[in-house]
Amino acid sequence: MTKDEFIKKNTIRKLGLVEYIKRLEKQGLSERDVQAELIKHKVVKSPRMLDLEWKFYQQYKNEISWI
């Protein structure tokens, strides 16, 4: 999936979220550390939203080819 296709299917906010999480993973952070960073930096507002956003990321992480 290209970046443009992703944006058309989802939103620009989701693009930023996916790129941010992927960048943290490339830095070597574990799944738990990435989730902690999302809460710490207020990328997600609550544990419930963290769960929803994390599931969204897991759904698309293998399909994004531009990162």
C-alpha atoms as a PDB file:
ATOM      1  CA  MET A   1       0.000   0.000   0.000  1.00  0.00           C
ATOM      2  CA  THR A   2       1.347   3.400  -0.896  1.00  0.00           C
ATOM      3  CA  LYS A   3       1.119   6.474   1.287  1.00  0.00           C
ATOM      4  CA  ASP A   4      -1.550   8.035  -0.950  1.00  0.00           C
ATOM      5  CA  GLU A   5      -3.656   4.872  -0.894  1.00  0.00           C
ATOM      6  CA  PHE A   6      -3.424   4.757   2.890  1.00  0.00           C
ATOM      7  CA  ILE A   7      -4.543   8.379   3.232  1.00  0.00           C
ATOM      8  CA  LYS A   8      -7.492   7.810   0.884  1.00  0.00           C
ATOM      9  CA  LYS A   9      -8.608   4.766   2.848  1.00  0.00           C
ATOM     10  CA  ASN A  10      -7.964   6.279   6.286  1.00  0.00           C
ATOM     11  CA  THR A  11      -7.249   9.776   7.586  1.00  0.00           C
ATOM     12  CA  ILE A  12      -4.154  11.938   7.746  1.00  0.00           C
ATOM     13  CA  ARG A  13      -4.194  11.582  11.549  1.00  0.00           C
ATOM     14  CA  LYS A  14      -3.967   7.801  11.198  1.00  0.00           C
ATOM     15  CA  LEU A  15      -1.043   8.282   8.824  1.00  0.00           C
ATOM     16  CA  GLY A  16       0.804  10.271  11.463  1.00  0.00           C
ATOM     17  CA  LEU A  17       0.034   7.681  14.113  1.00  0.00           C
ATOM     18  CA  VAL A  18       1.236   4.768  11.990  1.00  0.00           C
ATOM     19  CA  GLU A  19       4.441   6.566  10.976  1.00  0.00           C
ATOM     20  CA  TYR A  20       5.147   7.571  14.598  1.00  0.00           C
ATOM     21  CA  ILE A  21       4.695   4.024  15.910  1.00  0.00           C
ATOM     22  CA  LYS A  22       6.757   2.528  13.077  1.00  0.00           C
ATOM     23  CA  ARG A  23       9.565   5.010  13.788  1.00  0.00           C
ATOM     24  CA  LEU A  24       9.571   4.029  17.480  1.00  0.00           C
ATOM     25  CA  GLU A  25       9.710   0.347  16.557  1.00  0.00           C
ATOM     26  CA  LYS A  26      12.648   0.988  14.214  1.00  0.00           C
ATOM     27  CA  GLN A  27      14.450   2.619  17.149  1.00  0.00           C
ATOM     28  CA  GLY A  28      14.285  -0.760  18.879  1.00  0.00           C
ATOM     29  CA  LEU A  29      11.536  -0.084  21.408  1.00  0.00           C
ATOM     30  CA  SER A  30       9.472  -3.036  22.557  1.00  0.00           C
ATOM     31  CA  GLU A  31       5.710  -3.153  22.067  1.00  0.00           C
ATOM     32  CA  ARG A  32       5.151  -2.141  25.691  1.00  0.00           C
ATOM     33  CA  ASP A  33       7.662   0.717  25.457  1.00  0.00           C
ATOM     34  CA  VAL A  34       5.992   2.038  22.296  1.00  0.00           C
ATOM     35  CA  GLN A  35       2.609   1.994  24.008  1.00  0.00           C
ATOM     36  CA  ALA A  36       4.080   3.797  27.022  1.00  0.00           C
ATOM     37  CA  GLU A  37       5.510   6.485  24.733  1.00  0.00           C
ATOM     38  CA  LEU A  38       2.110   6.981  23.097  1.00  0.00           C
ATOM     39  CA  ILE A  39       0.522   7.681  26.473  1.00  0.00           C
ATOM     40  CA  LYS A  40       3.482   9.663  27.841  1.00  0.00           C
ATOM     41  CA  HIS A  41       3.534  12.040  24.868  1.00  0.00           C
ATOM     42  CA  LYS A  42      -0.280  12.274  24.804  1.00  0.00           C
ATOM     43  CA  VAL A  43      -0.547  10.827  21.315  1.00  0.00           C
ATOM     44  CA  VAL A  44      -3.466   8.834  22.737  1.00  0.00           C
ATOM     45  CA  LYS A  45      -5.692  10.224  25.458  1.00  0.00           C
ATOM     46  CA  SER A  46      -6.660   7.085  27.384  1.00  0.00           C
ATOM     47  CA  PRO A  47      -5.895   3.370  27.771  1.00  0.00           C
ATOM     48  CA  ARG A  48      -9.054   2.581  25.811  1.00  0.00           C
ATOM     49  CA  MET A  49      -7.925   4.701  22.868  1.00  0.00           C
ATOM     50  CA  LEU A  50      -4.467   3.148  23.130  1.00  0.00           C
ATOM     51  CA  ASP A  51      -6.063  -0.261  22.659  1.00  0.00           C
ATOM     52  CA  LEU A  52      -8.081   0.890  19.636  1.00  0.00           C
ATOM     53  CA  GLU A  53      -5.155   2.705  18.006  1.00  0.00           C
ATOM     54  CA  TRP A  54      -2.798  -0.211  18.670  1.00  0.00           C
ATOM     55  CA  LYS A  55      -5.201  -2.655  17.016  1.00  0.00           C
ATOM     56  CA  PHE A  56      -5.455  -0.296  14.039  1.00  0.00           C
ATOM     57  CA  TYR A  57      -1.666  -0.170  13.763  1.00  0.00           C
ATOM     58  CA  GLN A  58      -1.363  -3.962  13.995  1.00  0.00           C
ATOM     59  CA  GLN A  59      -3.857  -4.286  11.158  1.00  0.00           C
ATOM     60  CA  TYR A  60      -1.792  -2.121   8.786  1.00  0.00           C
ATOM     61  CA  LYS A  61       1.819  -2.437   9.929  1.00  0.00           C
ATOM     62  CA  ASN A  62       2.741  -5.063   7.342  1.00  0.00           C
ATOM     63  CA  GLU A  63       0.979  -3.249   4.500  1.00  0.00           C
ATOM     64  CA  ILE A  64       2.778   0.089   4.713  1.00  0.00           C
ATOM     65  CA  SER A  65       5.668   0.193   2.280  1.00  0.00           C
ATOM     66  CA  TRP A  66       6.780   3.821   2.409  1.00  0.00           C
ATOM     67  CA  ILE A  67       8.423   3.627   5.844  1.00  0.00           C
END
